[in-house]
Amino acid sequence: MESDVKAIALCLQGSLAWTASSVYPYFVAEHLLLADRPLNALSPFLIENQQAAGWQPAGAPDTGVLLATHMVTGWTAGAWRRAICRAFEQGYHLHIEGIGRFSIGIDGNIIFFKPTEQNQANEDAMIETLLGPALSIALAVKGVFCLHASALLAGNHVVAFLGHSGAGKSTLAAYLASNIEEWQYIADDVLPITAGTGGPVALPRFPQLKLPASQQIRANMPNRLPLGSIYLLEASTESTCPTIEKQNRHAATTTLIRHTVATSLFDDRLLASHLDLCAGIAGHIPVRRIIYPHNKEKLPEIAQMLTTDIGGTF
């Protein structure tokens, strides 16, 4: 494997004695995910004939001094589970109740999974947490943060929709993609973003676990796309007329922070780099609120408002 290729090793079988023939390479968020077993959820991102000869993971991350412990309870893999993330000098240990522990190196280059004894056969739960909080932490170490968002490619720019579960992100994005020919669906739930030389960029090659393999990002989509606009969806119970309001930089930064995956598990190192990215995005591109009655009959009106608003943005 070329030394300048960004890679993350996924050690899921408890062994580091890999050979080139036992490595399954996937291209996700501009990184090679080199797994020691095939992963169906990543099958659309499999790279054929990727050369991994001579590559060997360094081993499960060392720990060193414990710096911080963060604990949160959330809906993960079909149940409410407690997650505990311990930040060490040399990496992170993420324990998901009833699933297992992920060890993540301080450089983000390796994710080592050790299941709980009760979870030896729970494949779906392991995959969801691997490609959710565990991978989100590893990417964050590398300066890539995952927005909890639906997103579309509108022209040459990405438009992202943020909001709490049930806010209508997927519904609005699906409607726009179905009714505006120039708009293409690229994210249903998670959108990786990072800083680019010309401004923030989205990394569309990322598994959308709520979608079947046939609906994942198409193979000819670029690896990175300019991030053009961000909208926070907020349902209104008082007004029947949708409105769009621009957020100031402080409010926009707060919006981005609140709608990033796994931030409740970040230590001070990750929080600092995350804050820098969010503040940079808020100062570079518009972040707006869409306040609307949660009613499908309003979707055509919202689509027209967005088309007008985005037309004046790019």
C-alpha atoms as a PDB file:
ATOM      1  CA  MET A   1       0.000   0.000   0.000  1.00  0.00           C
ATOM      2  CA  GLU A   2       1.347   3.447  -0.927  1.00  0.00           C
ATOM      3  CA  SER A   3       2.534   5.377   2.105  1.00  0.00           C
ATOM      4  CA  ASP A   4       0.590   8.535   1.211  1.00  0.00           C
ATOM      5  CA  VAL A   5      -2.767   6.756   1.138  1.00  0.00           C
ATOM      6  CA  LYS A   6      -4.914   7.574   4.188  1.00  0.00           C
ATOM      7  CA  ALA A   7      -6.071   4.334   5.785  1.00  0.00           C
ATOM      8  CA  ILE A   8      -7.876   3.049   8.837  1.00  0.00           C
ATOM      9  CA  ALA A   9      -7.488  -0.598   9.854  1.00  0.00           C
ATOM     10  CA  LEU A  10     -10.647  -2.313  11.076  1.00  0.00           C
ATOM     11  CA  CYS A  11      -9.574  -5.235  13.271  1.00  0.00           C
ATOM     12  CA  LEU A  12     -12.794  -7.113  13.974  1.00  0.00           C
ATOM     13  CA  GLN A  13     -11.709 -10.718  14.442  1.00  0.00           C
ATOM     14  CA  GLY A  14      -9.287 -10.249  17.315  1.00  0.00           C
ATOM     15  CA  SER A  15      -6.211 -11.125  15.286  1.00  0.00           C
ATOM     16  CA  LEU A  16      -3.499  -8.947  13.802  1.00  0.00           C
ATOM     17  CA  ALA A  17      -1.892 -11.718  11.753  1.00  0.00           C
ATOM     18  CA  TRP A  18      -3.188 -10.433   8.431  1.00  0.00           C
ATOM     19  CA  THR A  19      -1.996 -11.336   4.955  1.00  0.00           C
ATOM     20  CA  ALA A  20      -2.590  -9.361   1.759  1.00  0.00           C
ATOM     21  CA  SER A  21      -5.221 -11.883   0.685  1.00  0.00           C
ATOM     22  CA  SER A  22      -7.171 -11.431   3.910  1.00  0.00           C
ATOM     23  CA  VAL A  23      -7.538  -7.636   3.637  1.00  0.00           C
ATOM     24  CA  TYR A  24     -10.847  -6.260   2.348  1.00  0.00           C
ATOM     25  CA  PRO A  25     -10.356  -2.649   1.160  1.00  0.00           C
ATOM     26  CA  TYR A  26     -13.181  -0.098   1.094  1.00  0.00           C
ATOM     27  CA  PHE A  27     -12.976   3.569   0.139  1.00  0.00           C
ATOM     28  CA  VAL A  28     -14.980   5.703   2.596  1.00  0.00           C
ATOM     29  CA  ALA A  29     -14.728   9.463   3.287  1.00  0.00           C
ATOM     30  CA  GLU A  30     -11.413   9.699   1.404  1.00  0.00           C
ATOM     31  CA  HIS A  31      -9.918   6.899   3.494  1.00  0.00           C
ATOM     32  CA  LEU A  32      -9.196   3.274   2.822  1.00  0.00           C
ATOM     33  CA  LEU A  33     -10.937   1.145   5.397  1.00  0.00           C
ATOM     34  CA  LEU A  34      -8.902  -2.048   5.467  1.00  0.00           C
ATOM     35  CA  ALA A  35     -10.976  -4.712   7.185  1.00  0.00           C
ATOM     36  CA  ASP A  36      -9.905  -8.204   8.212  1.00  0.00           C
ATOM     37  CA  ARG A  37     -13.265  -9.592   7.051  1.00  0.00           C
ATOM     38  CA  PRO A  38     -15.876  -8.705   4.429  1.00  0.00           C
ATOM     39  CA  LEU A  39     -18.499  -6.169   5.533  1.00  0.00           C
ATOM     40  CA  ASN A  40     -21.809  -6.248   3.667  1.00  0.00           C
ATOM     41  CA  ALA A  41     -22.704  -2.717   4.744  1.00  0.00           C
ATOM     42  CA  LEU A  42     -19.609  -1.468   2.909  1.00  0.00           C
ATOM     43  CA  SER A  43     -20.008  -3.606  -0.216  1.00  0.00           C
ATOM     44  CA  PRO A  44     -20.861  -0.603  -2.468  1.00  0.00           C
ATOM     45  CA  PHE A  45     -17.510   0.924  -1.490  1.00  0.00           C
ATOM     46  CA  LEU A  46     -15.329  -2.144  -2.108  1.00  0.00           C
ATOM     47  CA  ILE A  47     -12.182  -1.454  -4.139  1.00  0.00           C
ATOM     48  CA  GLU A  48     -11.230  -4.176  -6.567  1.00  0.00           C
ATOM     49  CA  ASN A  49      -7.556  -5.106  -6.971  1.00  0.00           C
ATOM     50  CA  GLN A  50      -6.347  -2.748  -4.258  1.00  0.00           C
ATOM     51  CA  GLN A  51      -2.738  -3.561  -3.467  1.00  0.00           C
ATOM     52  CA  ALA A  52      -2.202  -4.084   0.252  1.00  0.00           C
ATOM     53  CA  ALA A  53       0.877  -6.279   0.085  1.00  0.00           C
ATOM     54  CA  GLY A  54       3.253  -5.663   2.962  1.00  0.00           C
ATOM     55  CA  TRP A  55       0.708  -3.738   4.987  1.00  0.00           C
ATOM     56  CA  GLN A  56       0.302  -4.792   8.585  1.00  0.00           C
ATOM     57  CA  PRO A  57      -1.556  -3.017  11.409  1.00  0.00           C
ATOM     58  CA  ALA A  58       0.695  -1.966  14.250  1.00  0.00           C
ATOM     59  CA  GLY A  59      -1.409  -3.657  16.900  1.00  0.00           C
ATOM     60  CA  ALA A  60      -4.090  -2.717  19.362  1.00  0.00           C
ATOM     61  CA  PRO A  61      -3.523   0.862  20.549  1.00  0.00           C
ATOM     62  CA  ASP A  62      -1.607   1.398  23.786  1.00  0.00           C
ATOM     63  CA  THR A  63      -3.324   3.481  26.417  1.00  0.00           C
ATOM     64  CA  GLY A  64      -0.999   5.547  28.557  1.00  0.00           C
ATOM     65  CA  VAL A  65      -2.395   8.035  31.064  1.00  0.00           C
ATOM     66  CA  LEU A  66      -6.170   8.388  31.326  1.00  0.00           C
ATOM     67  CA  LEU A  67      -7.152  11.979  30.472  1.00  0.00           C
ATOM     68  CA  ALA A  68     -10.942  12.039  30.516  1.00  0.00           C
ATOM     69  CA  THR A  69     -14.051   9.866  30.664  1.00  0.00           C
ATOM     70  CA  HIS A  70     -17.314  10.720  28.951  1.00  0.00           C
ATOM     71  CA  MET A  71     -20.532   8.748  29.376  1.00  0.00           C
ATOM     72  CA  VAL A  72     -23.805   9.116  27.495  1.00  0.00           C
ATOM     73  CA  THR A  73     -26.950   7.054  26.949  1.00  0.00           C
ATOM     74  CA  GLY A  74     -28.408   6.987  23.448  1.00  0.00           C
ATOM     75  CA  TRP A  75     -30.375   4.925  20.957  1.00  0.00           C
ATOM     76  CA  THR A  76     -27.855   2.620  19.300  1.00  0.00           C
ATOM     77  CA  ALA A  77     -28.317  -0.641  17.403  1.00  0.00           C
ATOM     78  CA  GLY A  78     -32.008  -0.930  18.204  1.00  0.00           C
ATOM     79  CA  ALA A  79     -31.831  -0.200  21.938  1.00  0.00           C
ATOM     80  CA  TRP A  80     -31.031   2.464  24.521  1.00  0.00           C
ATOM     81  CA  ARG A  81     -27.425   1.806  25.444  1.00  0.00           C
ATOM     82  CA  ARG A  82     -24.821   3.424  27.639  1.00  0.00           C
ATOM     83  CA  ALA A  83     -21.656   4.477  25.845  1.00  0.00           C
ATOM     84  CA  ILE A  84     -18.447   5.258  27.723  1.00  0.00           C
ATOM     85  CA  CYS A  85     -15.485   6.847  25.960  1.00  0.00           C
ATOM     86  CA  ARG A  86     -12.171   7.002  27.818  1.00  0.00           C
ATOM     87  CA  ALA A  87      -9.549   9.311  26.348  1.00  0.00           C
ATOM     88  CA  PHE A  88      -5.930   8.277  26.924  1.00  0.00           C
ATOM     89  CA  GLU A  89      -2.651   9.836  25.892  1.00  0.00           C
ATOM     90  CA  GLN A  90      -2.332   7.231  23.126  1.00  0.00           C
ATOM     91  CA  GLY A  91      -5.927   6.840  21.969  1.00  0.00           C
ATOM     92  CA  TYR A  92      -9.508   6.107  22.914  1.00  0.00           C
ATOM     93  CA  HIS A  93     -11.476   3.206  24.372  1.00  0.00           C
ATOM     94  CA  LEU A  94     -15.146   3.283  23.439  1.00  0.00           C
ATOM     95  CA  HIS A  95     -17.360   0.807  25.281  1.00  0.00           C
ATOM     96  CA  ILE A  96     -20.912   0.300  23.991  1.00  0.00           C
ATOM     97  CA  GLU A  97     -23.145  -1.532  26.450  1.00  0.00           C
ATOM     98  CA  GLY A  98     -24.106  -5.006  25.244  1.00  0.00           C
ATOM     99  CA  ILE A  99     -21.905  -4.796  22.141  1.00  0.00           C
ATOM    100  CA  GLY A 100     -18.244  -4.467  23.011  1.00  0.00           C
ATOM    101  CA  ARG A 101     -15.227  -2.203  23.152  1.00  0.00           C
ATOM    102  CA  PHE A 102     -13.512  -0.328  20.342  1.00  0.00           C
ATOM    103  CA  SER A 103      -9.898   0.775  20.795  1.00  0.00           C
ATOM    104  CA  ILE A 104      -8.924   3.679  18.541  1.00  0.00           C
ATOM    105  CA  GLY A 105      -5.344   4.833  18.051  1.00  0.00           C
ATOM    106  CA  ILE A 106      -4.306   8.415  18.738  1.00  0.00           C
ATOM    107  CA  ASP A 107      -3.659   8.844  14.986  1.00  0.00           C
ATOM    108  CA  GLY A 108      -7.017   7.287  14.086  1.00  0.00           C
ATOM    109  CA  ASN A 109      -5.271   4.630  11.991  1.00  0.00           C
ATOM    110  CA  ILE A 110      -6.673   1.568  13.723  1.00  0.00           C
ATOM    111  CA  ILE A 111      -9.981   0.472  15.238  1.00  0.00           C
ATOM    112  CA  PHE A 112      -9.704  -2.727  17.249  1.00  0.00           C
ATOM    113  CA  PHE A 113     -12.975  -4.399  18.294  1.00  0.00           C
ATOM    114  CA  LYS A 114     -13.446  -6.734  21.228  1.00  0.00           C
ATOM    115  CA  PRO A 115     -17.042  -8.023  21.653  1.00  0.00           C
ATOM    116  CA  THR A 116     -18.753  -8.697  24.927  1.00  0.00           C
ATOM    117  CA  GLU A 117     -19.308 -12.367  25.692  1.00  0.00           C
ATOM    118  CA  GLN A 118     -23.060 -11.871  25.255  1.00  0.00           C
ATOM    119  CA  ASN A 119     -22.635 -10.351  21.802  1.00  0.00           C
ATOM    120  CA  GLN A 120     -20.592 -12.911  19.896  1.00  0.00           C
ATOM    121  CA  ALA A 121     -23.247 -13.319  17.162  1.00  0.00           C
ATOM    122  CA  ASN A 122     -24.759  -9.811  17.047  1.00  0.00           C
ATOM    123  CA  GLU A 123     -23.382  -8.806  13.668  1.00  0.00           C
ATOM    124  CA  ASP A 124     -25.758  -5.917  12.921  1.00  0.00           C
ATOM    125  CA  ALA A 125     -25.149  -4.241  16.279  1.00  0.00           C
ATOM    126  CA  MET A 126     -21.386  -4.419  15.845  1.00  0.00           C
ATOM    127  CA  ILE A 127     -21.519  -2.977  12.311  1.00  0.00           C
ATOM    128  CA  GLU A 128     -23.822  -0.120  13.309  1.00  0.00           C
ATOM    129  CA  THR A 129     -21.602   0.964  16.191  1.00  0.00           C
ATOM    130  CA  LEU A 130     -18.420   0.430  14.165  1.00  0.00           C
ATOM    131  CA  LEU A 131     -19.630   2.654  11.320  1.00  0.00           C
ATOM    132  CA  GLY A 132     -21.310   5.073  13.753  1.00  0.00           C
ATOM    133  CA  PRO A 133     -19.549   6.326  16.893  1.00  0.00           C
ATOM    134  CA  ALA A 134     -16.315   4.321  16.512  1.00  0.00           C
ATOM    135  CA  LEU A 135     -15.559   5.425  12.944  1.00  0.00           C
ATOM    136  CA  SER A 136     -16.765   8.962  13.744  1.00  0.00           C
ATOM    137  CA  ILE A 137     -14.130   9.250  16.481  1.00  0.00           C
ATOM    138  CA  ALA A 138     -11.375   7.833  14.259  1.00  0.00           C
ATOM    139  CA  LEU A 139     -12.258  10.281  11.463  1.00  0.00           C
ATOM    140  CA  ALA A 140     -12.506  13.180  13.921  1.00  0.00           C
ATOM    141  CA  VAL A 141      -8.921  12.495  14.984  1.00  0.00           C
ATOM    142  CA  LYS A 142      -8.041  13.005  11.307  1.00  0.00           C
ATOM    143  CA  GLY A 143     -10.006  16.263  11.018  1.00  0.00           C
ATOM    144  CA  VAL A 144     -13.138  14.791   9.418  1.00  0.00           C
ATOM    145  CA  PHE A 145     -16.382  15.322  11.323  1.00  0.00           C
ATOM    146  CA  CYS A 146     -19.737  13.709  10.575  1.00  0.00           C
ATOM    147  CA  LEU A 147     -22.859  15.861  10.494  1.00  0.00           C
ATOM    148  CA  HIS A 148     -26.150  14.189  11.336  1.00  0.00           C
ATOM    149  CA  ALA A 149     -27.704  15.370   8.092  1.00  0.00           C
ATOM    150  CA  SER A 150     -29.467  14.635   4.858  1.00  0.00           C
ATOM    151  CA  ALA A 151     -27.807  16.230   1.849  1.00  0.00           C
ATOM    152  CA  LEU A 152     -28.135  16.811  -1.869  1.00  0.00           C
ATOM    153  CA  LEU A 153     -25.848  17.909  -4.654  1.00  0.00           C
ATOM    154  CA  ALA A 154     -27.417  21.053  -6.156  1.00  0.00           C
ATOM    155  CA  GLY A 155     -25.437  22.097  -9.194  1.00  0.00           C
ATOM    156  CA  ASN A 156     -21.801  21.899  -8.085  1.00  0.00           C
ATOM    157  CA  HIS A 157     -22.393  22.401  -4.364  1.00  0.00           C
ATOM    158  CA  VAL A 158     -23.740  20.324  -1.492  1.00  0.00           C
ATOM    159  CA  VAL A 159     -26.798  21.488   0.418  1.00  0.00           C
ATOM    160  CA  ALA A 160     -27.119  19.894   3.871  1.00  0.00           C
ATOM    161  CA  PHE A 161     -30.236  19.679   6.042  1.00  0.00           C
ATOM    162  CA  LEU A 162     -29.778  19.397   9.802  1.00  0.00           C
ATOM    163  CA  GLY A 163     -32.373  18.707  12.452  1.00  0.00           C
ATOM    164  CA  HIS A 164     -33.312  16.438  15.289  1.00  0.00           C
ATOM    165  CA  SER A 165     -34.767  13.001  14.567  1.00  0.00           C
ATOM    166  CA  GLY A 166     -38.227  13.431  13.100  1.00  0.00           C
ATOM    167  CA  ALA A 167     -37.587  16.987  11.878  1.00  0.00           C
ATOM    168  CA  GLY A 168     -38.151  15.902   8.270  1.00  0.00           C
ATOM    169  CA  LYS A 169     -34.603  15.911   6.872  1.00  0.00           C
ATOM    170  CA  SER A 170     -34.982  12.724   4.857  1.00  0.00           C
ATOM    171  CA  THR A 171     -38.506  13.593   3.723  1.00  0.00           C
ATOM    172  CA  LEU A 172     -37.486  17.026   2.427  1.00  0.00           C
ATOM    173  CA  ALA A 173     -34.307  15.766   0.761  1.00  0.00           C
ATOM    174  CA  ALA A 174     -36.144  12.898  -0.928  1.00  0.00           C
ATOM    175  CA  TYR A 175     -38.837  15.277  -2.188  1.00  0.00           C
ATOM    176  CA  LEU A 176     -36.274  17.696  -3.625  1.00  0.00           C
ATOM    177  CA  ALA A 177     -34.295  14.914  -5.304  1.00  0.00           C
ATOM    178  CA  SER A 178     -37.478  13.495  -6.846  1.00  0.00           C
ATOM    179  CA  ASN A 179     -38.873  16.800  -8.096  1.00  0.00           C
ATOM    180  CA  ILE A 180     -35.856  18.916  -9.074  1.00  0.00           C
ATOM    181  CA  GLU A 181     -33.905  17.283 -11.867  1.00  0.00           C
ATOM    182  CA  GLU A 182     -30.602  19.008 -11.083  1.00  0.00           C
ATOM    183  CA  TRP A 183     -30.575  17.900  -7.439  1.00  0.00           C
ATOM    184  CA  GLN A 184     -29.077  14.528  -6.470  1.00  0.00           C
ATOM    185  CA  TYR A 185     -29.443  12.722  -3.140  1.00  0.00           C
ATOM    186  CA  ILE A 186     -26.017  12.048  -1.572  1.00  0.00           C
ATOM    187  CA  ALA A 187     -26.662  11.530   2.176  1.00  0.00           C
ATOM    188  CA  ASP A 188     -29.619  10.227   4.130  1.00  0.00           C
ATOM    189  CA  ASP A 189     -28.302  10.362   7.688  1.00  0.00           C
ATOM    190  CA  VAL A 190     -24.560  11.096   7.941  1.00  0.00           C
ATOM    191  CA  LEU A 191     -22.460  13.598   5.969  1.00  0.00           C
ATOM    192  CA  PRO A 192     -18.685  13.749   6.614  1.00  0.00           C
ATOM    193  CA  ILE A 193     -17.190  17.238   6.258  1.00  0.00           C
ATOM    194  CA  THR A 194     -13.697  18.686   6.515  1.00  0.00           C
ATOM    195  CA  ALA A 195     -11.733  21.838   5.733  1.00  0.00           C
ATOM    196  CA  GLY A 196     -10.601  22.315   2.132  1.00  0.00           C
ATOM    197  CA  THR A 197      -8.188  24.763   0.543  1.00  0.00           C
ATOM    198  CA  GLY A 198     -11.072  26.777  -0.916  1.00  0.00           C
ATOM    199  CA  GLY A 199     -13.542  26.297   1.911  1.00  0.00           C
ATOM    200  CA  PRO A 200     -15.393  23.455   3.642  1.00  0.00           C
ATOM    201  CA  VAL A 201     -16.017  20.297   1.656  1.00  0.00           C
ATOM    202  CA  ALA A 202     -18.334  17.303   1.964  1.00  0.00           C
ATOM    203  CA  LEU A 203     -17.066  13.745   1.521  1.00  0.00           C
ATOM    204  CA  PRO A 204     -20.054  11.930  -0.014  1.00  0.00           C
ATOM    205  CA  ARG A 205     -18.613   8.406  -0.072  1.00  0.00           C
ATOM    206  CA  PHE A 206     -19.999   7.210   3.237  1.00  0.00           C
ATOM    207  CA  PRO A 207     -22.362   4.328   4.044  1.00  0.00           C
ATOM    208  CA  GLN A 208     -25.935   5.407   4.719  1.00  0.00           C
ATOM    209  CA  LEU A 209     -27.062   2.553   6.974  1.00  0.00           C
ATOM    210  CA  LYS A 210     -30.756   3.384   6.590  1.00  0.00           C
ATOM    211  CA  LEU A 211     -30.573   2.843   2.820  1.00  0.00           C
ATOM    212  CA  PRO A 212     -30.137  -0.440   0.896  1.00  0.00           C
ATOM    213  CA  ALA A 213     -26.964  -1.033  -1.105  1.00  0.00           C
ATOM    214  CA  SER A 214     -28.765  -0.134  -4.353  1.00  0.00           C
ATOM    215  CA  GLN A 215     -29.440   3.402  -3.059  1.00  0.00           C
ATOM    216  CA  GLN A 216     -25.918   4.225  -1.855  1.00  0.00           C
ATOM    217  CA  ILE A 217     -23.849   6.935  -3.545  1.00  0.00           C
ATOM    218  CA  ARG A 218     -23.192   6.186  -7.205  1.00  0.00           C
ATOM    219  CA  ALA A 219     -19.718   5.056  -8.218  1.00  0.00           C
ATOM    220  CA  ASN A 220     -18.855   8.078 -10.396  1.00  0.00           C
ATOM    221  CA  MET A 221     -19.551  10.670  -7.693  1.00  0.00           C
ATOM    222  CA  PRO A 222     -16.451  12.794  -6.856  1.00  0.00           C
ATOM    223  CA  ASN A 223     -14.638  12.017  -3.618  1.00  0.00           C
ATOM    224  CA  ARG A 224     -15.155  15.561  -2.313  1.00  0.00           C
ATOM    225  CA  LEU A 225     -17.611  18.324  -3.127  1.00  0.00           C
ATOM    226  CA  PRO A 226     -17.832  21.971  -2.024  1.00  0.00           C
ATOM    227  CA  LEU A 227     -20.231  22.517   0.870  1.00  0.00           C
ATOM    228  CA  GLY A 228     -22.471  25.386  -0.236  1.00  0.00           C
ATOM    229  CA  SER A 229     -25.381  25.855   2.187  1.00  0.00           C
ATOM    230  CA  ILE A 230     -26.673  24.402   5.443  1.00  0.00           C
ATOM    231  CA  TYR A 231     -30.264  24.544   6.667  1.00  0.00           C
ATOM    232  CA  LEU A 232     -31.559  23.705  10.135  1.00  0.00           C
ATOM    233  CA  LEU A 233     -35.118  22.350   9.997  1.00  0.00           C
ATOM    234  CA  GLU A 234     -37.435  23.442  12.782  1.00  0.00           C
ATOM    235  CA  ALA A 235     -41.113  22.509  12.852  1.00  0.00           C
ATOM    236  CA  SER A 236     -43.554  25.288  13.722  1.00  0.00           C
ATOM    237  CA  THR A 237     -46.876  24.823  15.482  1.00  0.00           C
ATOM    238  CA  GLU A 238     -47.821  28.504  15.307  1.00  0.00           C
ATOM    239  CA  SER A 239     -47.387  29.532  11.670  1.00  0.00           C
ATOM    240  CA  THR A 240     -48.660  27.948   8.470  1.00  0.00           C
ATOM    241  CA  CYS A 241     -46.237  29.911   6.293  1.00  0.00           C
ATOM    242  CA  PRO A 242     -42.678  28.516   5.895  1.00  0.00           C
ATOM    243  CA  THR A 243     -39.879  31.015   6.475  1.00  0.00           C
ATOM    244  CA  ILE A 244     -36.105  31.012   6.055  1.00  0.00           C
ATOM    245  CA  GLU A 245     -33.951  32.941   8.535  1.00  0.00           C
ATOM    246  CA  LYS A 246     -30.201  33.481   8.387  1.00  0.00           C
ATOM    247  CA  GLN A 247     -28.216  32.646  11.522  1.00  0.00           C
ATOM    248  CA  ASN A 248     -25.378  34.828  12.747  1.00  0.00           C
ATOM    249  CA  ARG A 249     -21.935  33.248  13.060  1.00  0.00           C
ATOM    250  CA  HIS A 250     -22.294  32.376  16.734  1.00  0.00           C
ATOM    251  CA  ALA A 251     -25.683  30.729  16.254  1.00  0.00           C
ATOM    252  CA  ALA A 252     -24.467  28.942  13.129  1.00  0.00           C
ATOM    253  CA  THR A 253     -21.418  27.574  14.961  1.00  0.00           C
ATOM    254  CA  THR A 254     -23.645  26.307  17.767  1.00  0.00           C
ATOM    255  CA  THR A 255     -25.971  24.651  15.244  1.00  0.00           C
ATOM    256  CA  LEU A 256     -23.101  22.766  13.634  1.00  0.00           C
ATOM    257  CA  ILE A 257     -21.706  21.658  16.985  1.00  0.00           C
ATOM    258  CA  ARG A 258     -25.085  20.331  18.135  1.00  0.00           C
ATOM    259  CA  HIS A 259     -25.667  18.334  14.960  1.00  0.00           C
ATOM    260  CA  THR A 260     -22.355  16.516  14.718  1.00  0.00           C
ATOM    261  CA  VAL A 261     -22.239  12.781  15.394  1.00  0.00           C
ATOM    262  CA  ALA A 262     -20.604  11.566  18.647  1.00  0.00           C
ATOM    263  CA  THR A 263     -19.596  14.969  20.051  1.00  0.00           C
ATOM    264  CA  SER A 264     -20.809  13.924  23.518  1.00  0.00           C
ATOM    265  CA  LEU A 265     -17.947  11.393  23.484  1.00  0.00           C
ATOM    266  CA  PHE A 266     -15.217  13.846  22.394  1.00  0.00           C
ATOM    267  CA  ASP A 267     -12.385  14.831  24.714  1.00  0.00           C
ATOM    268  CA  ASP A 268     -10.853  18.324  24.805  1.00  0.00           C
ATOM    269  CA  ARG A 269      -8.519  17.551  21.886  1.00  0.00           C
ATOM    270  CA  LEU A 270     -11.355  16.619  19.553  1.00  0.00           C
ATOM    271  CA  LEU A 271     -13.647  19.362  20.860  1.00  0.00           C
ATOM    272  CA  ALA A 272     -11.030  22.021  20.084  1.00  0.00           C
ATOM    273  CA  SER A 273     -10.494  20.920  16.482  1.00  0.00           C
ATOM    274  CA  HIS A 274     -14.244  20.475  16.040  1.00  0.00           C
ATOM    275  CA  LEU A 275     -14.928  24.010  17.286  1.00  0.00           C
ATOM    276  CA  ASP A 276     -12.320  25.391  14.877  1.00  0.00           C
ATOM    277  CA  LEU A 277     -13.946  23.631  11.924  1.00  0.00           C
ATOM    278  CA  CYS A 278     -17.501  24.661  12.874  1.00  0.00           C
ATOM    279  CA  ALA A 279     -16.496  28.306  13.384  1.00  0.00           C
ATOM    280  CA  GLY A 280     -14.664  28.266  10.057  1.00  0.00           C
ATOM    281  CA  ILE A 281     -17.681  26.863   8.231  1.00  0.00           C
ATOM    282  CA  ALA A 282     -20.029  29.370   9.901  1.00  0.00           C
ATOM    283  CA  GLY A 283     -17.801  32.205   8.696  1.00  0.00           C
ATOM    284  CA  HIS A 284     -17.527  30.853   5.165  1.00  0.00           C
ATOM    285  CA  ILE A 285     -20.961  29.620   4.060  1.00  0.00           C
ATOM    286  CA  PRO A 286     -24.555  30.511   5.006  1.00  0.00           C
ATOM    287  CA  VAL A 287     -26.291  28.566   7.751  1.00  0.00           C
ATOM    288  CA  ARG A 288     -30.046  29.205   7.856  1.00  0.00           C
ATOM    289  CA  ARG A 289     -33.157  28.018   9.702  1.00  0.00           C
ATOM    290  CA  ILE A 290     -36.206  26.748   7.856  1.00  0.00           C
ATOM    291  CA  ILE A 291     -39.235  27.201  10.105  1.00  0.00           C
ATOM    292  CA  TYR A 292     -42.223  25.387   8.698  1.00  0.00           C
ATOM    293  CA  PRO A 293     -45.347  23.460   9.646  1.00  0.00           C
ATOM    294  CA  HIS A 294     -44.479  19.771   9.637  1.00  0.00           C
ATOM    295  CA  ASN A 295     -46.859  19.106   6.769  1.00  0.00           C
ATOM    296  CA  LYS A 296     -46.106  17.346   3.472  1.00  0.00           C
ATOM    297  CA  GLU A 297     -48.495  19.695   1.701  1.00  0.00           C
ATOM    298  CA  LYS A 298     -45.968  22.487   2.306  1.00  0.00           C
ATOM    299  CA  LEU A 299     -43.095  20.685   0.563  1.00  0.00           C
ATOM    300  CA  PRO A 300     -43.681  22.310  -2.873  1.00  0.00           C
ATOM    301  CA  GLU A 301     -43.645  25.766  -1.253  1.00  0.00           C
ATOM    302  CA  ILE A 302     -40.460  24.958   0.679  1.00  0.00           C
ATOM    303  CA  ALA A 303     -38.842  23.604  -2.494  1.00  0.00           C
ATOM    304  CA  GLN A 304     -39.585  26.859  -4.316  1.00  0.00           C
ATOM    305  CA  MET A 305     -38.207  28.916  -1.432  1.00  0.00           C
ATOM    306  CA  LEU A 306     -35.027  26.827  -1.356  1.00  0.00           C
ATOM    307  CA  THR A 307     -34.517  27.056  -5.111  1.00  0.00           C
ATOM    308  CA  THR A 308     -34.750  30.844  -4.889  1.00  0.00           C
ATOM    309  CA  ASP A 309     -32.578  31.072  -1.781  1.00  0.00           C
ATOM    310  CA  ILE A 310     -29.840  28.786  -3.069  1.00  0.00           C
ATOM    311  CA  GLY A 311     -29.879  30.455  -6.463  1.00  0.00           C
ATOM    312  CA  GLY A 312     -28.782  33.641  -4.769  1.00  0.00           C
ATOM    313  CA  THR A 313     -26.149  31.875  -2.656  1.00  0.00           C
ATOM    314  CA  PHE A 314     -23.869  30.115  -5.145  1.00  0.00           C
END
